[in-house]
Amino acid sequence: MAGRPAEKEAPFFGKRLSAVRRSKGLTQQQLADKLGIKRSLIDYYETRSPNPALDFIERSAAALEVSVAELLGSQPNASRSKPGPQSQLQRKFEQVKLLPRDKQKFVLQFLDTVLESNQQKA
């Protein structure tokens, strides 16, 4: 029968890369920007590449802030109780991690003050 060939299932690494990227709330373009590559290459690794280079796996894990083992699916992410995109609070904490140390300390002091105030009311 003529027509389009059947869609191939994405390779295991591609599925993992896509799942972790989405759980971090990133688009393919955002991950590509972090890695300094084209978005089409992210698409290639997520949908067609059966054996990505170790360097790409290591750089992707670093950009996604997970271990290589977690990216490869051999170590569960203990910090996540359910799959899915990050909450707004989790995304904000990821942004705070990128701030200079003095700004991080300020955010922590502010959080401590709010939490202590909430405990006193309870």
PDB file of N, CA and C in Angstrom:
ATOM      1  N   MET A   1       0.839  -1.178   0.000  1.00  0.00           N
ATOM      2  CA  MET A   1       0.000   0.000   0.000  1.00  0.00           C
ATOM      3  C   MET A   1       0.882   1.239   0.000  1.00  0.00           C
ATOM      4  N   ALA A   2       0.561   2.193  -0.833  1.00  0.00           N
ATOM      5  CA  ALA A   2       1.345   3.418  -0.944  1.00  0.00           C
ATOM      6  C   ALA A   2       0.972   4.382   0.170  1.00  0.00           C
ATOM      7  N   GLY A   3       1.794   5.405   0.349  1.00  0.00           N
ATOM      8  CA  GLY A   3       1.513   6.412   1.378  1.00  0.00           C
ATOM      9  C   GLY A   3       2.736   6.672   2.220  1.00  0.00           C
ATOM     10  N   ARG A   4       2.496   7.362   3.309  1.00  0.00           N
ATOM     11  CA  ARG A   4       3.592   7.693   4.216  1.00  0.00           C
ATOM     12  C   ARG A   4       4.015   6.460   4.999  1.00  0.00           C
ATOM     13  N   PRO A   5       5.309   6.322   5.238  1.00  0.00           N
ATOM     14  CA  PRO A   5       5.747   5.208   6.081  1.00  0.00           C
ATOM     15  C   PRO A   5       5.265   5.417   7.508  1.00  0.00           C
ATOM     16  N   ALA A   6       5.111   4.322   8.226  1.00  0.00           N
ATOM     17  CA  ALA A   6       4.662   4.398   9.614  1.00  0.00           C
ATOM     18  C   ALA A   6       5.659   5.208  10.442  1.00  0.00           C
ATOM     19  N   GLU A   7       5.130   5.997  11.357  1.00  0.00           N
ATOM     20  CA  GLU A   7       5.988   6.800  12.249  1.00  0.00           C
ATOM     21  C   GLU A   7       6.787   5.859  13.136  1.00  0.00           C
ATOM     22  N   LYS A   8       8.070   6.115  13.235  1.00  0.00           N
ATOM     23  CA  LYS A   8       8.900   5.341  14.146  1.00  0.00           C
ATOM     24  C   LYS A   8       8.743   5.892  15.542  1.00  0.00           C
ATOM     25  N   GLU A   9       8.805   5.018  16.518  1.00  0.00           N
ATOM     26  CA  GLU A   9       8.753   5.456  17.901  1.00  0.00           C
ATOM     27  C   GLU A   9      10.069   6.135  18.251  1.00  0.00           C
ATOM     28  N   ALA A  10       9.973   7.192  19.043  1.00  0.00           N
ATOM     29  CA  ALA A  10      11.178   7.925  19.442  1.00  0.00           C
ATOM     30  C   ALA A  10      12.105   6.998  20.222  1.00  0.00           C
ATOM     31  N   PRO A  11      13.417   7.155  20.051  1.00  0.00           N
ATOM     32  CA  PRO A  11      14.363   6.348  20.816  1.00  0.00           C
ATOM     33  C   PRO A  11      14.244   6.650  22.312  1.00  0.00           C
ATOM     34  N   PHE A  12      14.703   5.709  23.127  1.00  0.00           N
ATOM     35  CA  PHE A  12      14.570   5.848  24.575  1.00  0.00           C
ATOM     36  C   PHE A  12      15.182   7.147  25.087  1.00  0.00           C
ATOM     37  N   PHE A  13      16.408   7.458  24.662  1.00  0.00           N
ATOM     38  CA  PHE A  13      17.043   8.691  25.141  1.00  0.00           C
ATOM     39  C   PHE A  13      16.207   9.904  24.744  1.00  0.00           C
ATOM     40  N   GLY A  14      15.692   9.906  23.531  1.00  0.00           N
ATOM     41  CA  GLY A  14      14.874  11.022  23.073  1.00  0.00           C
ATOM     42  C   GLY A  14      13.647  11.224  23.936  1.00  0.00           C
ATOM     43  N   LYS A  15      13.013  10.126  24.327  1.00  0.00           N
ATOM     44  CA  LYS A  15      11.844  10.215  25.212  1.00  0.00           C
ATOM     45  C   LYS A  15      12.245  10.801  26.561  1.00  0.00           C
ATOM     46  N   ARG A  16      13.374  10.359  27.073  1.00  0.00           N
ATOM     47  CA  ARG A  16      13.844  10.860  28.375  1.00  0.00           C
ATOM     48  C   ARG A  16      14.210  12.344  28.283  1.00  0.00           C
ATOM     49  N   LEU A  17      14.928  12.719  27.221  1.00  0.00           N
ATOM     50  CA  LEU A  17      15.319  14.110  27.053  1.00  0.00           C
ATOM     51  C   LEU A  17      14.075  14.999  26.994  1.00  0.00           C
ATOM     52  N   SER A  18      13.102  14.579  26.224  1.00  0.00           N
ATOM     53  CA  SER A  18      11.862  15.345  26.094  1.00  0.00           C
ATOM     54  C   SER A  18      11.127  15.441  27.430  1.00  0.00           C
ATOM     55  N   ALA A  19      11.030  14.329  28.144  1.00  0.00           N
ATOM     56  CA  ALA A  19      10.306  14.315  29.424  1.00  0.00           C
ATOM     57  C   ALA A  19      10.988  15.212  30.457  1.00  0.00           C
ATOM     58  N   VAL A  20      12.296  15.118  30.551  1.00  0.00           N
ATOM     59  CA  VAL A  20      13.023  15.939  31.532  1.00  0.00           C
ATOM     60  C   VAL A  20      12.945  17.414  31.142  1.00  0.00           C
ATOM     61  N   ARG A  21      13.109  17.696  29.860  1.00  0.00           N
ATOM     62  CA  ARG A  21      13.020  19.086  29.394  1.00  0.00           C
ATOM     63  C   ARG A  21      11.655  19.676  29.740  1.00  0.00           C
ATOM     64  N   ARG A  22      10.607  18.927  29.480  1.00  0.00           N
ATOM     65  CA  ARG A  22       9.249  19.408  29.774  1.00  0.00           C
ATOM     66  C   ARG A  22       9.030  19.556  31.274  1.00  0.00           C
ATOM     67  N   SER A  23       9.576  18.620  32.058  1.00  0.00           N
ATOM     68  CA  SER A  23       9.399  18.710  33.517  1.00  0.00           C
ATOM     69  C   SER A  23      10.087  19.950  34.089  1.00  0.00           C
ATOM     70  N   LYS A  24      11.087  20.438  33.366  1.00  0.00           N
ATOM     71  CA  LYS A  24      11.784  21.665  33.781  1.00  0.00           C
ATOM     72  C   LYS A  24      11.108  22.913  33.218  1.00  0.00           C
ATOM     73  N   GLY A  25      10.023  22.706  32.467  1.00  0.00           N
ATOM     74  CA  GLY A  25       9.284  23.832  31.920  1.00  0.00           C
ATOM     75  C   GLY A  25       9.981  24.527  30.765  1.00  0.00           C
ATOM     76  N   LEU A  26      10.829  23.791  30.043  1.00  0.00           N
ATOM     77  CA  LEU A  26      11.591  24.377  28.940  1.00  0.00           C
ATOM     78  C   LEU A  26      11.045  23.936  27.589  1.00  0.00           C
ATOM     79  N   THR A  27      11.107  24.831  26.627  1.00  0.00           N
ATOM     80  CA  THR A  27      10.804  24.478  25.242  1.00  0.00           C
ATOM     81  C   THR A  27      12.076  23.925  24.605  1.00  0.00           C
ATOM     82  N   GLN A  28      11.917  23.342  23.428  1.00  0.00           N
ATOM     83  CA  GLN A  28      13.104  22.888  22.698  1.00  0.00           C
ATOM     84  C   GLN A  28      14.029  24.068  22.425  1.00  0.00           C
ATOM     85  N   GLN A  29      13.464  25.209  22.074  1.00  0.00           N
ATOM     86  CA  GLN A  29      14.276  26.387  21.764  1.00  0.00           C
ATOM     87  C   GLN A  29      15.057  26.859  22.986  1.00  0.00           C
ATOM     88  N   GLN A  30      14.415  26.847  24.153  1.00  0.00           N
ATOM     89  CA  GLN A  30      15.093  27.290  25.370  1.00  0.00           C
ATOM     90  C   GLN A  30      16.258  26.358  25.713  1.00  0.00           C
ATOM     91  N   LEU A  31      16.051  25.051  25.569  1.00  0.00           N
ATOM     92  CA  LEU A  31      17.143  24.113  25.832  1.00  0.00           C
ATOM     93  C   LEU A  31      18.256  24.306  24.802  1.00  0.00           C
ATOM     94  N   ALA A  32      17.881  24.488  23.548  1.00  0.00           N
ATOM     95  CA  ALA A  32      18.886  24.715  22.501  1.00  0.00           C
ATOM     96  C   ALA A  32      19.709  25.962  22.810  1.00  0.00           C
ATOM     97  N   ASP A  33      19.043  27.008  23.274  1.00  0.00           N
ATOM     98  CA  ASP A  33      19.759  28.243  23.620  1.00  0.00           C
ATOM     99  C   ASP A  33      20.741  27.997  24.759  1.00  0.00           C
ATOM    100  N   LYS A  34      20.331  27.218  25.757  1.00  0.00           N
ATOM    101  CA  LYS A  34      21.227  26.913  26.876  1.00  0.00           C
ATOM    102  C   LYS A  34      22.450  26.133  26.415  1.00  0.00           C
ATOM    103  N   LEU A  35      22.247  25.289  25.402  1.00  0.00           N
ATOM    104  CA  LEU A  35      23.344  24.453  24.905  1.00  0.00           C
ATOM    105  C   LEU A  35      24.126  25.118  23.775  1.00  0.00           C
ATOM    106  N   GLY A  36      23.624  26.232  23.269  1.00  0.00           N
ATOM    107  CA  GLY A  36      24.301  26.914  22.172  1.00  0.00           C
ATOM    108  C   GLY A  36      24.209  26.165  20.852  1.00  0.00           C
ATOM    109  N   ILE A  37      23.065  25.498  20.628  1.00  0.00           N
ATOM    110  CA  ILE A  37      22.858  24.746  19.385  1.00  0.00           C
ATOM    111  C   ILE A  37      21.515  25.146  18.779  1.00  0.00           C
ATOM    112  N   LYS A  38      21.207  24.622  17.613  1.00  0.00           N
ATOM    113  CA  LYS A  38      19.939  24.915  16.941  1.00  0.00           C
ATOM    114  C   LYS A  38      18.817  24.047  17.522  1.00  0.00           C
ATOM    115  N   ARG A  39      17.603  24.594  17.488  1.00  0.00           N
ATOM    116  CA  ARG A  39      16.439  23.864  17.992  1.00  0.00           C
ATOM    117  C   ARG A  39      16.235  22.559  17.224  1.00  0.00           C
ATOM    118  N   SER A  40      16.536  22.576  15.929  1.00  0.00           N
ATOM    119  CA  SER A  40      16.340  21.372  15.115  1.00  0.00           C
ATOM    120  C   SER A  40      17.193  20.207  15.618  1.00  0.00           C
ATOM    121  N   LEU A  41      18.323  20.502  16.235  1.00  0.00           N
ATOM    122  CA  LEU A  41      19.167  19.438  16.779  1.00  0.00           C
ATOM    123  C   LEU A  41      18.510  18.815  18.019  1.00  0.00           C
ATOM    124  N   ILE A  42      17.858  19.639  18.836  1.00  0.00           N
ATOM    125  CA  ILE A  42      17.114  19.101  19.988  1.00  0.00           C
ATOM    126  C   ILE A  42      16.011  18.183  19.470  1.00  0.00           C
ATOM    127  N   ASP A  43      15.290  18.635  18.446  1.00  0.00           N
ATOM    128  CA  ASP A  43      14.235  17.818  17.848  1.00  0.00           C
ATOM    129  C   ASP A  43      14.805  16.493  17.346  1.00  0.00           C
ATOM    130  N   TYR A  44      15.961  16.553  16.699  1.00  0.00           N
ATOM    131  CA  TYR A  44      16.609  15.338  16.194  1.00  0.00           C
ATOM    132  C   TYR A  44      16.907  14.361  17.330  1.00  0.00           C
ATOM    133  N   TYR A  45      17.499  14.857  18.407  1.00  0.00           N
ATOM    134  CA  TYR A  45      17.832  13.974  19.524  1.00  0.00           C
ATOM    135  C   TYR A  45      16.577  13.430  20.201  1.00  0.00           C
ATOM    136  N   GLU A  46      15.509  14.223  20.242  1.00  0.00           N
ATOM    137  CA  GLU A  46      14.286  13.772  20.900  1.00  0.00           C
ATOM    138  C   GLU A  46      13.489  12.784  20.055  1.00  0.00           C
ATOM    139  N   THR A  47      13.623  12.850  18.739  1.00  0.00           N
ATOM    140  CA  THR A  47      12.753  12.024  17.896  1.00  0.00           C
ATOM    141  C   THR A  47      13.446  10.967  17.045  1.00  0.00           C
ATOM    142  N   ARG A  48      14.743  11.147  16.745  1.00  0.00           N
ATOM    143  CA  ARG A  48      15.365  10.239  15.777  1.00  0.00           C
ATOM    144  C   ARG A  48      16.710   9.646  16.154  1.00  0.00           C
ATOM    145  N   SER A  49      17.474  10.282  17.001  1.00  0.00           N
ATOM    146  CA  SER A  49      18.840   9.830  17.244  1.00  0.00           C
ATOM    147  C   SER A  49      18.881   8.635  18.197  1.00  0.00           C
ATOM    148  N   PRO A  50      19.321   7.475  17.702  1.00  0.00           N
ATOM    149  CA  PRO A  50      19.360   6.310  18.581  1.00  0.00           C
ATOM    150  C   PRO A  50      20.538   6.317  19.565  1.00  0.00           C
ATOM    151  N   ASN A  51      21.630   6.968  19.188  1.00  0.00           N
ATOM    152  CA  ASN A  51      22.830   6.946  20.019  1.00  0.00           C
ATOM    153  C   ASN A  51      23.495   8.318  20.080  1.00  0.00           C
ATOM    154  N   PRO A  52      23.025   9.188  20.960  1.00  0.00           N
ATOM    155  CA  PRO A  52      23.675  10.511  21.048  1.00  0.00           C
ATOM    156  C   PRO A  52      25.072  10.391  21.632  1.00  0.00           C
ATOM    157  N   ALA A  53      25.917  11.355  21.294  1.00  0.00           N
ATOM    158  CA  ALA A  53      27.289  11.373  21.800  1.00  0.00           C
ATOM    159  C   ALA A  53      27.271  11.626  23.312  1.00  0.00           C
ATOM    160  N   LEU A  54      28.230  11.056  24.007  1.00  0.00           N
ATOM    161  CA  LEU A  54      28.330  11.226  25.455  1.00  0.00           C
ATOM    162  C   LEU A  54      28.438  12.695  25.831  1.00  0.00           C
ATOM    163  N   ASP A  55      29.185  13.455  25.040  1.00  0.00           N
ATOM    164  CA  ASP A  55      29.330  14.877  25.312  1.00  0.00           C
ATOM    165  C   ASP A  55      27.971  15.580  25.308  1.00  0.00           C
ATOM    166  N   PHE A  56      27.110  15.226  24.348  1.00  0.00           N
ATOM    167  CA  PHE A  56      25.780  15.840  24.291  1.00  0.00           C
ATOM    168  C   PHE A  56      24.953  15.436  25.506  1.00  0.00           C
ATOM    169  N   ILE A  57      25.040  14.196  25.919  1.00  0.00           N
ATOM    170  CA  ILE A  57      24.294  13.722  27.087  1.00  0.00           C
ATOM    171  C   ILE A  57      24.749  14.485  28.331  1.00  0.00           C
ATOM    172  N   GLU A  58      26.055  14.605  28.521  1.00  0.00           N
ATOM    173  CA  GLU A  58      26.591  15.312  29.693  1.00  0.00           C
ATOM    174  C   GLU A  58      26.197  16.780  29.693  1.00  0.00           C
ATOM    175  N   ARG A  59      26.314  17.445  28.534  1.00  0.00           N
ATOM    176  CA  ARG A  59      25.959  18.869  28.445  1.00  0.00           C
ATOM    177  C   ARG A  59      24.468  19.085  28.655  1.00  0.00           C
ATOM    178  N   SER A  60      23.657  18.164  28.126  1.00  0.00           N
ATOM    179  CA  SER A  60      22.202  18.267  28.299  1.00  0.00           C
ATOM    180  C   SER A  60      21.824  18.104  29.769  1.00  0.00           C
ATOM    181  N   ALA A  61      22.437  17.134  30.439  1.00  0.00           N
ATOM    182  CA  ALA A  61      22.152  16.920  31.853  1.00  0.00           C
ATOM    183  C   ALA A  61      22.507  18.168  32.657  1.00  0.00           C
ATOM    184  N   ALA A  62      23.652  18.759  32.359  1.00  0.00           N
ATOM    185  CA  ALA A  62      24.070  19.974  33.069  1.00  0.00           C
ATOM    186  C   ALA A  62      23.091  21.119  32.801  1.00  0.00           C
ATOM    187  N   ALA A  63      22.688  21.291  31.549  1.00  0.00           N
ATOM    188  CA  ALA A  63      21.760  22.373  31.191  1.00  0.00           C
ATOM    189  C   ALA A  63      20.400  22.172  31.850  1.00  0.00           C
ATOM    190  N   LEU A  64      20.000  20.915  32.024  1.00  0.00           N
ATOM    191  CA  LEU A  64      18.709  20.607  32.643  1.00  0.00           C
ATOM    192  C   LEU A  64      18.809  20.476  34.167  1.00  0.00           C
ATOM    193  N   GLU A  65      20.032  20.595  34.669  1.00  0.00           N
ATOM    194  CA  GLU A  65      20.306  20.523  36.105  1.00  0.00           C
ATOM    195  C   GLU A  65      19.845  19.196  36.714  1.00  0.00           C
ATOM    196  N   VAL A  66      20.199  18.111  36.023  1.00  0.00           N
ATOM    197  CA  VAL A  66      19.951  16.759  36.511  1.00  0.00           C
ATOM    198  C   VAL A  66      21.227  15.955  36.313  1.00  0.00           C
ATOM    199  N   SER A  67      21.300  14.810  36.957  1.00  0.00           N
ATOM    200  CA  SER A  67      22.463  13.949  36.753  1.00  0.00           C
ATOM    201  C   SER A  67      22.319  13.219  35.421  1.00  0.00           C
ATOM    202  N   VAL A  68      23.448  12.755  34.902  1.00  0.00           N
ATOM    203  CA  VAL A  68      23.416  11.962  33.678  1.00  0.00           C
ATOM    204  C   VAL A  68      22.563  10.717  33.905  1.00  0.00           C
ATOM    205  N   ALA A  69      22.703  10.105  35.077  1.00  0.00           N
ATOM    206  CA  ALA A  69      21.918   8.908  35.388  1.00  0.00           C
ATOM    207  C   ALA A  69      20.420   9.201  35.336  1.00  0.00           C
ATOM    208  N   GLU A  70      20.022  10.338  35.884  1.00  0.00           N
ATOM    209  CA  GLU A  70      18.602  10.698  35.849  1.00  0.00           C
ATOM    210  C   GLU A  70      18.139  10.945  34.424  1.00  0.00           C
ATOM    211  N   LEU A  71      18.960  11.641  33.640  1.00  0.00           N
ATOM    212  CA  LEU A  71      18.599  11.904  32.248  1.00  0.00           C
ATOM    213  C   LEU A  71      18.463  10.601  31.469  1.00  0.00           C
ATOM    214  N   LEU A  72      19.311   9.630  31.785  1.00  0.00           N
ATOM    215  CA  LEU A  72      19.252   8.336  31.105  1.00  0.00           C
ATOM    216  C   LEU A  72      18.176   7.418  31.674  1.00  0.00           C
ATOM    217  N   GLY A  73      17.533   7.851  32.752  1.00  0.00           N
ATOM    218  CA  GLY A  73      16.431   7.080  33.308  1.00  0.00           C
ATOM    219  C   GLY A  73      16.825   5.987  34.264  1.00  0.00           C
ATOM    220  N   SER A  74      18.076   5.984  34.715  1.00  0.00           N
ATOM    221  CA  SER A  74      18.506   4.920  35.617  1.00  0.00           C
ATOM    222  C   SER A  74      18.448   5.328  37.083  1.00  0.00           C
ATOM    223  N   GLN A  75      18.050   6.559  37.343  1.00  0.00           N
ATOM    224  CA  GLN A  75      17.956   7.034  38.723  1.00  0.00           C
ATOM    225  C   GLN A  75      16.706   7.901  38.837  1.00  0.00           C
ATOM    226  N   PRO A  76      15.753   7.492  39.669  1.00  0.00           N
ATOM    227  CA  PRO A  76      14.542   8.307  39.785  1.00  0.00           C
ATOM    228  C   PRO A  76      14.832   9.648  40.423  1.00  0.00           C
ATOM    229  N   ASN A  77      14.054  10.624  40.055  1.00  0.00           N
ATOM    230  CA  ASN A  77      14.171  11.961  40.624  1.00  0.00           C
ATOM    231  C   ASN A  77      13.382  11.986  41.923  1.00  0.00           C
ATOM    232  N   ALA A  78      14.081  11.899  43.038  1.00  0.00           N
ATOM    233  CA  ALA A  78      13.432  11.831  44.334  1.00  0.00           C
ATOM    234  C   ALA A  78      12.745  13.130  44.720  1.00  0.00           C
ATOM    235  N   SER A  79      13.145  14.235  44.122  1.00  0.00           N
ATOM    236  CA  SER A  79      12.559  15.511  44.505  1.00  0.00           C
ATOM    237  C   SER A  79      11.204  15.750  43.856  1.00  0.00           C
ATOM    238  N   ARG A  80      10.833  14.960  42.882  1.00  0.00           N
ATOM    239  CA  ARG A  80       9.550  15.144  42.203  1.00  0.00           C
ATOM    240  C   ARG A  80       8.593  14.041  42.625  1.00  0.00           C
ATOM    241  N   SER A  81       7.429  14.399  43.125  1.00  0.00           N
ATOM    242  CA  SER A  81       6.475  13.396  43.545  1.00  0.00           C
ATOM    243  C   SER A  81       5.589  12.937  42.405  1.00  0.00           C
ATOM    244  N   LYS A  82       5.412  13.765  41.385  1.00  0.00           N
ATOM    245  CA  LYS A  82       4.602  13.382  40.237  1.00  0.00           C
ATOM    246  C   LYS A  82       5.182  14.014  38.979  1.00  0.00           C
ATOM    247  N   PRO A  83       4.972  13.352  37.826  1.00  0.00           N
ATOM    248  CA  PRO A  83       5.495  13.916  36.595  1.00  0.00           C
ATOM    249  C   PRO A  83       4.697  15.150  36.179  1.00  0.00           C
ATOM    250  N   GLY A  84       5.282  15.937  35.301  1.00  0.00           N
ATOM    251  CA  GLY A  84       4.579  17.107  34.800  1.00  0.00           C
ATOM    252  C   GLY A  84       5.442  18.337  34.892  1.00  0.00           C
ATOM    253  N   PRO A  85       4.900  19.431  34.412  1.00  0.00           N
ATOM    254  CA  PRO A  85       5.677  20.665  34.431  1.00  0.00           C
ATOM    255  C   PRO A  85       5.906  21.184  35.842  1.00  0.00           C
ATOM    256  N   GLN A  86       6.945  21.956  35.993  1.00  0.00           N
ATOM    257  CA  GLN A  86       7.264  22.536  37.292  1.00  0.00           C
ATOM    258  C   GLN A  86       6.193  23.534  37.695  1.00  0.00           C
ATOM    259  N   SER A  87       5.998  23.637  38.994  1.00  0.00           N
ATOM    260  CA  SER A  87       5.089  24.651  39.496  1.00  0.00           C
ATOM    261  C   SER A  87       5.746  26.024  39.352  1.00  0.00           C
ATOM    262  N   GLN A  88       4.944  27.059  39.503  1.00  0.00           N
ATOM    263  CA  GLN A  88       5.470  28.422  39.418  1.00  0.00           C
ATOM    264  C   GLN A  88       6.530  28.627  40.489  1.00  0.00           C
ATOM    265  N   LEU A  89       6.304  28.094  41.684  1.00  0.00           N
ATOM    266  CA  LEU A  89       7.265  28.240  42.773  1.00  0.00           C
ATOM    267  C   LEU A  89       8.592  27.558  42.418  1.00  0.00           C
ATOM    268  N   GLN A  90       8.531  26.353  41.847  1.00  0.00           N
ATOM    269  CA  GLN A  90       9.758  25.655  41.463  1.00  0.00           C
ATOM    270  C   GLN A  90      10.524  26.435  40.394  1.00  0.00           C
ATOM    271  N   ARG A  91       9.794  27.008  39.430  1.00  0.00           N
ATOM    272  CA  ARG A  91      10.466  27.799  38.389  1.00  0.00           C
ATOM    273  C   ARG A  91      11.149  29.016  39.004  1.00  0.00           C
ATOM    274  N   LYS A  92      10.495  29.646  39.978  1.00  0.00           N
ATOM    275  CA  LYS A  92      11.090  30.819  40.629  1.00  0.00           C
ATOM    276  C   LYS A  92      12.359  30.425  41.377  1.00  0.00           C
ATOM    277  N   PHE A  93      12.339  29.269  42.065  1.00  0.00           N
ATOM    278  CA  PHE A  93      13.531  28.819  42.771  1.00  0.00           C
ATOM    279  C   PHE A  93      14.674  28.553  41.805  1.00  0.00           C
ATOM    280  N   GLU A  94      14.350  28.025  40.619  1.00  0.00           N
ATOM    281  CA  GLU A  94      15.393  27.810  39.610  1.00  0.00           C
ATOM    282  C   GLU A  94      15.994  29.152  39.187  1.00  0.00           C
ATOM    283  N   GLN A  95      15.154  30.182  39.084  1.00  0.00           N
ATOM    284  CA  GLN A  95      15.661  31.509  38.726  1.00  0.00           C
ATOM    285  C   GLN A  95      16.525  32.086  39.840  1.00  0.00           C
ATOM    286  N   VAL A  96      16.128  31.843  41.090  1.00  0.00           N
ATOM    287  CA  VAL A  96      16.898  32.348  42.236  1.00  0.00           C
ATOM    288  C   VAL A  96      18.300  31.721  42.238  1.00  0.00           C
ATOM    289  N   LYS A  97      18.391  30.455  41.835  1.00  0.00           N
ATOM    290  CA  LYS A  97      19.695  29.785  41.789  1.00  0.00           C
ATOM    291  C   LYS A  97      20.679  30.504  40.863  1.00  0.00           C
ATOM    292  N   LEU A  98      20.152  31.219  39.896  1.00  0.00           N
ATOM    293  CA  LEU A  98      21.007  31.910  38.924  1.00  0.00           C
ATOM    294  C   LEU A  98      21.422  33.296  39.385  1.00  0.00           C
ATOM    295  N   LEU A  99      20.845  33.771  40.474  1.00  0.00           N
ATOM    296  CA  LEU A  99      21.179  35.100  40.987  1.00  0.00           C
ATOM    297  C   LEU A  99      22.555  35.101  41.651  1.00  0.00           C
ATOM    298  N   PRO A 100      23.172  36.268  41.778  1.00  0.00           N
ATOM    299  CA  PRO A 100      24.426  36.365  42.546  1.00  0.00           C
ATOM    300  C   PRO A 100      24.166  35.978  44.006  1.00  0.00           C
ATOM    301  N   ARG A 101      25.200  35.540  44.696  1.00  0.00           N
ATOM    302  CA  ARG A 101      25.082  35.061  46.082  1.00  0.00           C
ATOM    303  C   ARG A 101      24.398  36.059  47.013  1.00  0.00           C
ATOM    304  N   ASP A 102      24.759  37.326  46.910  1.00  0.00           N
ATOM    305  CA  ASP A 102      24.172  38.309  47.817  1.00  0.00           C
ATOM    306  C   ASP A 102      22.663  38.431  47.593  1.00  0.00           C
ATOM    307  N   LYS A 103      22.233  38.328  46.357  1.00  0.00           N
ATOM    308  CA  LYS A 103      20.792  38.383  46.060  1.00  0.00           C
ATOM    309  C   LYS A 103      20.102  37.106  46.553  1.00  0.00           C
ATOM    310  N   GLN A 104      20.780  35.953  46.432  1.00  0.00           N
ATOM    311  CA  GLN A 104      20.224  34.705  46.944  1.00  0.00           C
ATOM    312  C   GLN A 104      20.024  34.798  48.456  1.00  0.00           C
ATOM    313  N   LYS A 105      21.008  35.350  49.156  1.00  0.00           N
ATOM    314  CA  LYS A 105      20.900  35.505  50.612  1.00  0.00           C
ATOM    315  C   LYS A 105      19.720  36.390  50.977  1.00  0.00           C
ATOM    316  N   PHE A 106      19.534  37.478  50.218  1.00  0.00           N
ATOM    317  CA  PHE A 106      18.412  38.370  50.471  1.00  0.00           C
ATOM    318  C   PHE A 106      17.085  37.625  50.316  1.00  0.00           C
ATOM    319  N   VAL A 107      16.954  36.831  49.257  1.00  0.00           N
ATOM    320  CA  VAL A 107      15.721  36.068  49.028  1.00  0.00           C
ATOM    321  C   VAL A 107      15.499  35.086  50.172  1.00  0.00           C
ATOM    322  N   LEU A 108      16.554  34.413  50.611  1.00  0.00           N
ATOM    323  CA  LEU A 108      16.425  33.457  51.722  1.00  0.00           C
ATOM    324  C   LEU A 108      16.020  34.150  53.015  1.00  0.00           C
ATOM    325  N   GLN A 109      16.595  35.302  53.279  1.00  0.00           N
ATOM    326  CA  GLN A 109      16.218  36.049  54.486  1.00  0.00           C
ATOM    327  C   GLN A 109      14.746  36.452  54.422  1.00  0.00           C
ATOM    328  N   PHE A 110      14.320  36.894  53.266  1.00  0.00           N
ATOM    329  CA  PHE A 110      12.922  37.286  53.095  1.00  0.00           C
ATOM    330  C   PHE A 110      12.003  36.086  53.319  1.00  0.00           C
ATOM    331  N   LEU A 111      12.358  34.940  52.730  1.00  0.00           N
ATOM    332  CA  LEU A 111      11.556  33.722  52.917  1.00  0.00           C
ATOM    333  C   LEU A 111      11.511  33.317  54.394  1.00  0.00           C
ATOM    334  N   ASP A 112      12.650  33.360  55.059  1.00  0.00           N
ATOM    335  CA  ASP A 112      12.692  33.030  56.484  1.00  0.00           C
ATOM    336  C   ASP A 112      11.758  33.935  57.281  1.00  0.00           C
ATOM    337  N   THR A 113      11.762  35.217  56.978  1.00  0.00           N
ATOM    338  CA  THR A 113      10.907  36.177  57.679  1.00  0.00           C
ATOM    339  C   THR A 113       9.428  35.845  57.453  1.00  0.00           C
ATOM    340  N   VAL A 114       9.057  35.582  56.220  1.00  0.00           N
ATOM    341  CA  VAL A 114       7.662  35.254  55.902  1.00  0.00           C
ATOM    342  C   VAL A 114       7.254  33.948  56.585  1.00  0.00           C
ATOM    343  N   LEU A 115       8.110  32.943  56.535  1.00  0.00           N
ATOM    344  CA  LEU A 115       7.781  31.652  57.145  1.00  0.00           C
ATOM    345  C   LEU A 115       7.683  31.756  58.664  1.00  0.00           C
ATOM    346  N   GLU A 116       8.590  32.497  59.283  1.00  0.00           N
ATOM    347  CA  GLU A 116       8.531  32.690  60.732  1.00  0.00           C
ATOM    348  C   GLU A 116       7.253  33.433  61.120  1.00  0.00           C
ATOM    349  N   SER A 117       6.899  34.435  60.357  1.00  0.00           N
ATOM    350  CA  SER A 117       5.678  35.198  60.616  1.00  0.00           C
ATOM    351  C   SER A 117       4.457  34.293  60.510  1.00  0.00           C
ATOM    352  N   ASN A 118       4.466  33.409  59.538  1.00  0.00           N
ATOM    353  CA  ASN A 118       3.344  32.486  59.357  1.00  0.00           C
ATOM    354  C   ASN A 118       3.257  31.493  60.512  1.00  0.00           C
ATOM    355  N   GLN A 119       4.392  31.024  61.014  1.00  0.00           N
ATOM    356  CA  GLN A 119       4.400  30.079  62.131  1.00  0.00           C
ATOM    357  C   GLN A 119       3.872  30.733  63.402  1.00  0.00           C
ATOM    358  N   GLN A 120       4.194  32.001  63.607  1.00  0.00           N
ATOM    359  CA  GLN A 120       3.744  32.708  64.802  1.00  0.00           C
ATOM    360  C   GLN A 120       2.234  32.894  64.782  1.00  0.00           C
ATOM    361  N   LYS A 121       1.643  33.023  63.607  1.00  0.00           N
ATOM    362  CA  LYS A 121       0.200  33.190  63.483  1.00  0.00           C
ATOM    363  C   LYS A 121      -0.533  31.878  63.706  1.00  0.00           C
ATOM    364  N   ALA A 122       0.144  30.764  63.465  1.00  0.00           N
ATOM    365  CA  ALA A 122      -0.502  29.447  63.568  1.00  0.00           C
ATOM    366  C   ALA A 122      -0.625  28.947  64.977  1.00  0.00           C
TER     367      ALA A 122
END
